[in-house]
N, C-alpha and C. Protein backbone atom coordinates (compact mmCIF):
# COMPACT_ATOMS: atom_id res chain seq x y z
N MET A 1 122.37 200.72 107.71
CA MET A 1 122.35 199.62 108.49
C MET A 1 123.80 199.25 108.82
N SER A 2 124.24 199.05 110.17
CA SER A 2 125.71 198.72 110.45
C SER A 2 126.03 197.38 110.11
N THR A 3 127.18 197.12 109.85
CA THR A 3 127.75 195.90 109.58
C THR A 3 127.78 195.02 110.83
N ALA A 4 127.31 193.80 110.70
CA ALA A 4 127.52 192.78 112.01
C ALA A 4 127.58 191.33 111.45
N SER A 5 128.50 190.62 112.03
CA SER A 5 128.64 189.32 111.64
C SER A 5 127.48 188.21 112.26
N PHE A 6 127.30 187.09 111.59
CA PHE A 6 126.32 186.21 112.03
C PHE A 6 126.88 184.90 112.50
N ASP A 7 126.24 184.34 113.27
CA ASP A 7 126.75 183.13 114.00
C ASP A 7 126.17 181.73 113.46
N TYR A 8 124.94 181.76 113.00
CA TYR A 8 124.23 180.53 112.65
C TYR A 8 123.52 180.80 111.42
N LYS A 9 123.38 179.65 110.61
CA LYS A 9 122.63 179.46 109.54
C LYS A 9 121.22 178.74 110.08
N CYS A 10 120.10 179.34 109.84
CA CYS A 10 118.78 178.57 110.35
C CYS A 10 117.66 178.66 109.29
N TYR A 11 116.74 177.99 109.64
CA TYR A 11 115.47 177.79 108.97
C TYR A 11 114.35 178.55 109.87
N LEU A 12 113.87 179.57 109.44
CA LEU A 12 112.88 180.43 110.30
C LEU A 12 111.44 180.22 109.59
N GLN A 13 110.50 179.76 110.38
CA GLN A 13 109.15 179.71 110.00
C GLN A 13 108.24 180.53 110.89
N MET A 14 107.68 181.67 110.37
CA MET A 14 106.90 182.46 111.19
C MET A 14 105.61 182.84 110.69
N ARG A 15 104.66 183.15 111.59
CA ARG A 15 103.24 183.63 111.38
C ARG A 15 103.43 185.17 111.05
N ARG A 16 102.35 185.71 110.51
CA ARG A 16 102.45 187.22 110.37
C ARG A 16 102.19 187.78 111.68
N SER A 17 102.91 188.66 112.11
CA SER A 17 102.71 189.35 113.35
C SER A 17 101.48 190.14 113.56
N ILE A 18 101.01 190.40 114.62
CA ILE A 18 99.78 191.35 114.78
C ILE A 18 100.23 192.57 114.36
N ALA A 19 101.62 192.87 114.62
CA ALA A 19 102.25 194.25 114.44
C ALA A 19 102.50 194.44 112.91
N ALA A 20 102.52 193.32 112.05
CA ALA A 20 102.80 193.64 110.69
C ALA A 20 101.62 193.82 109.90
N GLY A 21 101.64 194.67 108.80
CA GLY A 21 100.57 194.92 108.05
C GLY A 21 100.14 193.77 107.21
N ALA A 22 98.89 193.69 106.77
CA ALA A 22 98.23 192.54 105.97
C ALA A 22 98.94 192.24 104.67
N ALA A 23 99.51 193.34 103.95
CA ALA A 23 100.12 193.04 102.68
C ALA A 23 101.61 192.82 102.84
N MET A 24 102.09 193.04 103.95
CA MET A 24 103.58 192.88 104.33
C MET A 24 104.27 191.42 104.04
N ALA A 25 105.32 191.38 103.43
CA ALA A 25 105.93 190.09 103.35
C ALA A 25 107.15 190.15 104.45
N PRO A 26 107.72 189.04 104.87
CA PRO A 26 108.78 188.95 105.87
C PRO A 26 110.04 190.05 105.41
N LYS A 27 110.23 190.08 103.97
CA LYS A 27 111.39 191.08 103.58
C LYS A 27 111.05 192.55 103.80
N ASP A 28 109.70 192.78 104.03
CA ASP A 28 109.25 194.27 104.12
C ASP A 28 109.23 194.56 105.69
N ASP A 29 109.42 193.77 106.65
CA ASP A 29 109.33 194.11 107.94
C ASP A 29 110.56 194.92 108.34
N ILE A 30 110.22 196.00 108.97
CA ILE A 30 111.45 196.97 109.43
C ILE A 30 112.10 196.50 110.71
N VAL A 31 111.54 195.44 111.32
CA VAL A 31 112.19 194.86 112.60
C VAL A 31 112.84 193.68 112.02
N ASP A 32 114.25 193.77 112.51
CA ASP A 32 115.27 192.71 111.97
C ASP A 32 115.74 191.81 113.08
N TRP A 33 115.04 191.87 114.19
CA TRP A 33 115.26 191.16 115.36
C TRP A 33 114.11 190.54 116.21
N LEU A 34 114.33 189.53 116.73
CA LEU A 34 113.30 188.80 117.42
C LEU A 34 113.89 188.15 118.74
N PHE A 35 113.14 187.41 119.25
CA PHE A 35 113.58 186.68 120.56
C PHE A 35 113.49 185.18 120.49
N ILE A 36 114.48 184.44 120.78
CA ILE A 36 114.58 183.06 120.78
C ILE A 36 114.42 182.51 122.21
N GLU A 37 113.51 181.51 122.34
CA GLU A 37 113.14 181.03 123.69
C GLU A 37 114.02 179.75 123.75
N LEU A 38 114.97 179.69 124.65
CA LEU A 38 115.83 178.44 124.84
C LEU A 38 115.05 177.54 125.92
N ARG A 39 115.71 176.37 126.10
CA ARG A 39 115.12 175.36 126.78
C ARG A 39 114.65 175.79 128.31
N ASN A 40 115.52 176.71 128.72
CA ASN A 40 115.16 177.11 130.21
C ASN A 40 114.09 178.19 130.15
N LYS A 41 113.49 178.36 128.96
CA LYS A 41 112.28 179.27 128.95
C LYS A 41 112.70 180.81 128.92
N HIS A 42 113.93 180.94 128.91
CA HIS A 42 114.34 182.48 128.92
C HIS A 42 114.35 182.79 127.40
N ARG A 43 114.04 184.16 127.22
CA ARG A 43 114.21 184.63 125.77
C ARG A 43 115.42 185.51 125.74
N PHE A 44 116.06 185.40 124.54
CA PHE A 44 117.21 186.34 124.36
C PHE A 44 117.07 186.77 122.82
N GLY A 45 117.39 188.00 122.65
CA GLY A 45 117.38 188.70 121.44
C GLY A 45 118.33 188.11 120.29
N PHE A 46 117.88 188.09 119.12
CA PHE A 46 118.76 187.82 118.08
C PHE A 46 118.42 188.61 116.87
N ARG A 47 119.44 188.90 116.09
CA ARG A 47 119.09 189.69 114.72
C ARG A 47 119.23 188.74 113.59
N TYR A 48 118.45 188.91 112.47
CA TYR A 48 118.55 188.10 111.36
C TYR A 48 118.57 188.63 110.24
N LYS A 49 119.09 188.10 109.22
CA LYS A 49 119.00 188.52 107.79
C LYS A 49 118.42 187.33 106.76
N ILE A 50 117.41 187.80 106.06
CA ILE A 50 116.99 186.72 105.18
C ILE A 50 117.86 186.51 103.99
N ILE A 51 118.16 185.31 103.70
CA ILE A 51 119.11 185.18 102.72
C ILE A 51 118.52 185.12 101.19
N GLU A 52 117.39 184.85 101.01
CA GLU A 52 116.67 185.01 99.69
C GLU A 52 115.31 185.70 99.96
N PRO A 53 115.38 186.96 100.14
CA PRO A 53 114.11 187.67 100.49
C PRO A 53 112.99 187.45 99.68
N SER A 54 113.14 187.36 98.33
CA SER A 54 112.05 187.33 97.41
C SER A 54 111.38 185.83 97.56
N LYS A 55 111.99 184.99 98.19
CA LYS A 55 111.54 183.51 98.48
C LYS A 55 110.89 183.44 99.91
N ALA A 56 111.02 184.32 100.72
CA ALA A 56 110.49 184.29 102.12
C ALA A 56 109.15 184.73 102.20
N ASN A 57 108.19 183.76 102.75
CA ASN A 57 106.89 183.83 103.00
C ASN A 57 106.42 183.57 104.35
N TYR A 58 105.40 184.08 104.87
CA TYR A 58 104.89 183.67 106.15
C TYR A 58 104.50 182.28 106.09
N ASP A 59 104.44 181.54 107.23
CA ASP A 59 103.93 180.29 107.29
C ASP A 59 104.79 179.30 106.38
N GLU A 60 105.97 179.52 105.87
CA GLU A 60 106.76 178.61 105.21
C GLU A 60 108.17 178.92 105.74
N LYS A 61 109.13 177.70 105.78
CA LYS A 61 110.40 177.83 106.18
C LYS A 61 111.15 178.66 105.22
N PHE A 62 112.08 179.61 105.62
CA PHE A 62 113.01 180.16 104.74
C PHE A 62 114.45 180.54 105.57
N ILE A 63 115.51 180.44 104.76
CA ILE A 63 116.76 180.61 105.36
C ILE A 63 117.04 181.82 105.87
N VAL A 64 117.81 181.89 107.02
CA VAL A 64 118.32 183.30 107.58
C VAL A 64 119.57 182.90 108.29
N TYR A 65 120.30 183.95 108.30
CA TYR A 65 121.49 184.05 109.22
C TYR A 65 121.07 184.71 110.41
N ILE A 66 121.61 184.31 111.53
CA ILE A 66 121.36 184.98 112.85
C ILE A 66 122.66 185.39 113.69
N SER A 67 122.47 186.29 114.37
CA SER A 67 123.40 186.73 115.52
C SER A 67 122.60 186.96 116.72
N ILE A 68 123.11 185.94 117.76
CA ILE A 68 122.32 185.98 119.01
C ILE A 68 123.02 186.90 119.95
N PHE A 69 122.39 187.79 120.65
CA PHE A 69 122.95 188.75 121.70
C PHE A 69 123.21 187.91 122.62
N LEU A 70 124.44 188.11 123.47
CA LEU A 70 125.00 187.44 124.45
C LEU A 70 125.43 185.94 124.09
N LYS A 71 125.83 186.13 122.93
CA LYS A 71 126.21 184.64 122.20
C LYS A 71 127.46 183.96 123.06
N ASN A 72 128.32 184.63 123.70
CA ASN A 72 129.37 184.09 124.44
C ASN A 72 128.80 183.22 125.70
N ARG A 73 127.80 183.89 126.20
CA ARG A 73 127.15 183.39 127.35
C ARG A 73 126.09 182.26 127.14
N LEU A 74 125.71 182.23 125.85
CA LEU A 74 124.64 181.23 125.46
C LEU A 74 124.99 180.15 124.64
N SER A 75 126.17 179.95 123.88
CA SER A 75 126.61 179.18 122.95
C SER A 75 126.49 177.78 123.34
N GLU A 76 126.65 177.47 124.60
CA GLU A 76 126.49 176.14 125.21
C GLU A 76 125.00 175.59 124.99
N ASN A 77 124.15 176.72 125.03
CA ASN A 77 122.73 176.36 125.26
C ASN A 77 121.99 176.25 123.91
N ILE A 78 122.76 176.56 122.88
CA ILE A 78 122.39 176.53 121.39
C ILE A 78 122.64 175.31 120.74
N ILE A 79 121.77 174.27 120.19
CA ILE A 79 122.06 172.96 119.99
C ILE A 79 121.56 172.99 118.50
N ILE A 80 122.82 172.63 117.65
CA ILE A 80 122.48 172.26 116.13
C ILE A 80 121.49 171.14 115.92
N GLY A 81 120.51 171.51 115.12
CA GLY A 81 119.46 170.58 114.79
C GLY A 81 118.43 170.75 115.65
N GLN A 82 118.23 171.62 116.63
CA GLN A 82 117.30 171.78 117.53
C GLN A 82 116.48 172.97 117.20
N SER A 83 115.14 172.84 117.21
CA SER A 83 114.07 173.89 117.17
C SER A 83 113.80 174.66 118.32
N TYR A 84 113.60 176.01 118.09
CA TYR A 84 113.32 176.82 119.26
C TYR A 84 112.04 177.81 118.87
N ASN A 85 111.22 178.13 119.87
CA ASN A 85 110.13 178.99 119.76
C ASN A 85 110.73 180.52 119.53
N VAL A 86 110.08 181.20 118.62
CA VAL A 86 110.38 182.49 118.32
C VAL A 86 109.38 183.47 118.81
N TRP A 87 109.75 184.61 119.34
CA TRP A 87 108.72 185.69 119.89
C TRP A 87 109.05 187.11 119.26
N ARG A 88 108.07 187.83 118.96
CA ARG A 88 108.20 189.29 118.63
C ARG A 88 107.57 189.96 119.83
N GLY A 89 108.53 190.34 120.73
CA GLY A 89 107.96 191.01 121.95
C GLY A 89 107.13 189.90 122.84
N GLU A 90 106.07 190.06 123.18
CA GLU A 90 105.26 189.21 123.95
C GLU A 90 104.45 188.17 122.97
N GLU A 91 104.58 188.27 121.78
CA GLU A 91 103.76 187.48 120.66
C GLU A 91 104.45 186.35 120.28
N PRO A 92 104.10 185.22 120.54
CA PRO A 92 104.74 184.02 119.78
C PRO A 92 104.32 183.98 118.38
N ILE A 93 105.41 183.92 117.62
CA ILE A 93 105.19 184.04 115.97
C ILE A 93 105.61 182.92 115.13
N GLY A 94 106.37 182.00 115.87
CA GLY A 94 106.91 180.92 115.04
C GLY A 94 108.00 179.96 115.55
N GLU A 95 108.89 179.49 114.72
CA GLU A 95 109.94 178.59 115.21
C GLU A 95 111.22 178.89 114.39
N ILE A 96 112.33 178.49 115.03
CA ILE A 96 113.52 178.46 114.31
C ILE A 96 114.37 177.28 114.42
N LEU A 97 114.87 176.69 113.43
CA LEU A 97 115.70 175.44 113.46
C LEU A 97 117.14 175.86 113.21
N ILE A 98 117.95 175.71 114.16
CA ILE A 98 119.34 175.96 114.02
C ILE A 98 120.11 174.82 113.14
N GLU A 99 120.42 175.20 111.90
CA GLU A 99 120.93 174.40 111.00
C GLU A 99 122.50 174.14 111.18
N GLU A 100 123.24 175.12 111.26
CA GLU A 100 124.68 175.07 111.32
C GLU A 100 125.33 176.24 111.89
N ARG A 101 126.43 176.09 112.40
CA ARG A 101 127.26 177.17 113.09
C ARG A 101 128.20 177.70 111.87
N LEU A 102 128.16 179.05 111.86
CA LEU A 102 128.97 179.62 110.77
C LEU A 102 130.39 179.73 111.35
N ILE A 103 131.33 179.11 110.64
CA ILE A 103 132.73 179.18 111.31
C ILE A 103 133.32 180.43 110.92
N ASP A 104 133.39 180.72 109.68
CA ASP A 104 134.14 182.06 109.23
C ASP A 104 132.91 183.17 108.95
N ASN A 105 132.42 183.51 110.25
CA ASN A 105 131.20 184.52 110.20
C ASN A 105 131.89 186.04 109.91
N ASP A 106 132.94 186.23 109.88
CA ASP A 106 133.48 187.58 109.64
C ASP A 106 133.10 187.88 108.07
N SER A 107 132.92 186.90 107.20
CA SER A 107 132.78 187.27 105.70
C SER A 107 131.20 187.35 105.42
N ILE A 108 130.26 187.02 106.47
CA ILE A 108 128.83 187.15 106.22
C ILE A 108 128.40 188.27 107.17
N SER A 109 128.10 189.41 106.42
CA SER A 109 127.60 190.52 106.93
C SER A 109 126.63 191.20 106.27
N THR A 110 125.85 192.21 106.98
CA THR A 110 124.90 192.98 106.18
C THR A 110 125.54 194.09 105.50
């Protein structure tokens, strides 16, 4: 996996995707990017990293760091404390709460 920095600390709560296997936990999913739906109903890709993989369960909130694609263009549309719908392709799978902006995000990498 290539090194990438992250922009936000968030709480992600998602349902098991139709594409995920029945025995799969969030940490076992090989897909590490989803789509966030902003207020204008447009969806943008984001990459995520689960902070405590062993504690991440479907239908429960868990902490992730995210990096939003096109972040320079979208930063004014991301509101701290706001929740947004999360999609996996065309499937709505949950919600993400933007907790805080990571100031020194160069030190947070995969």
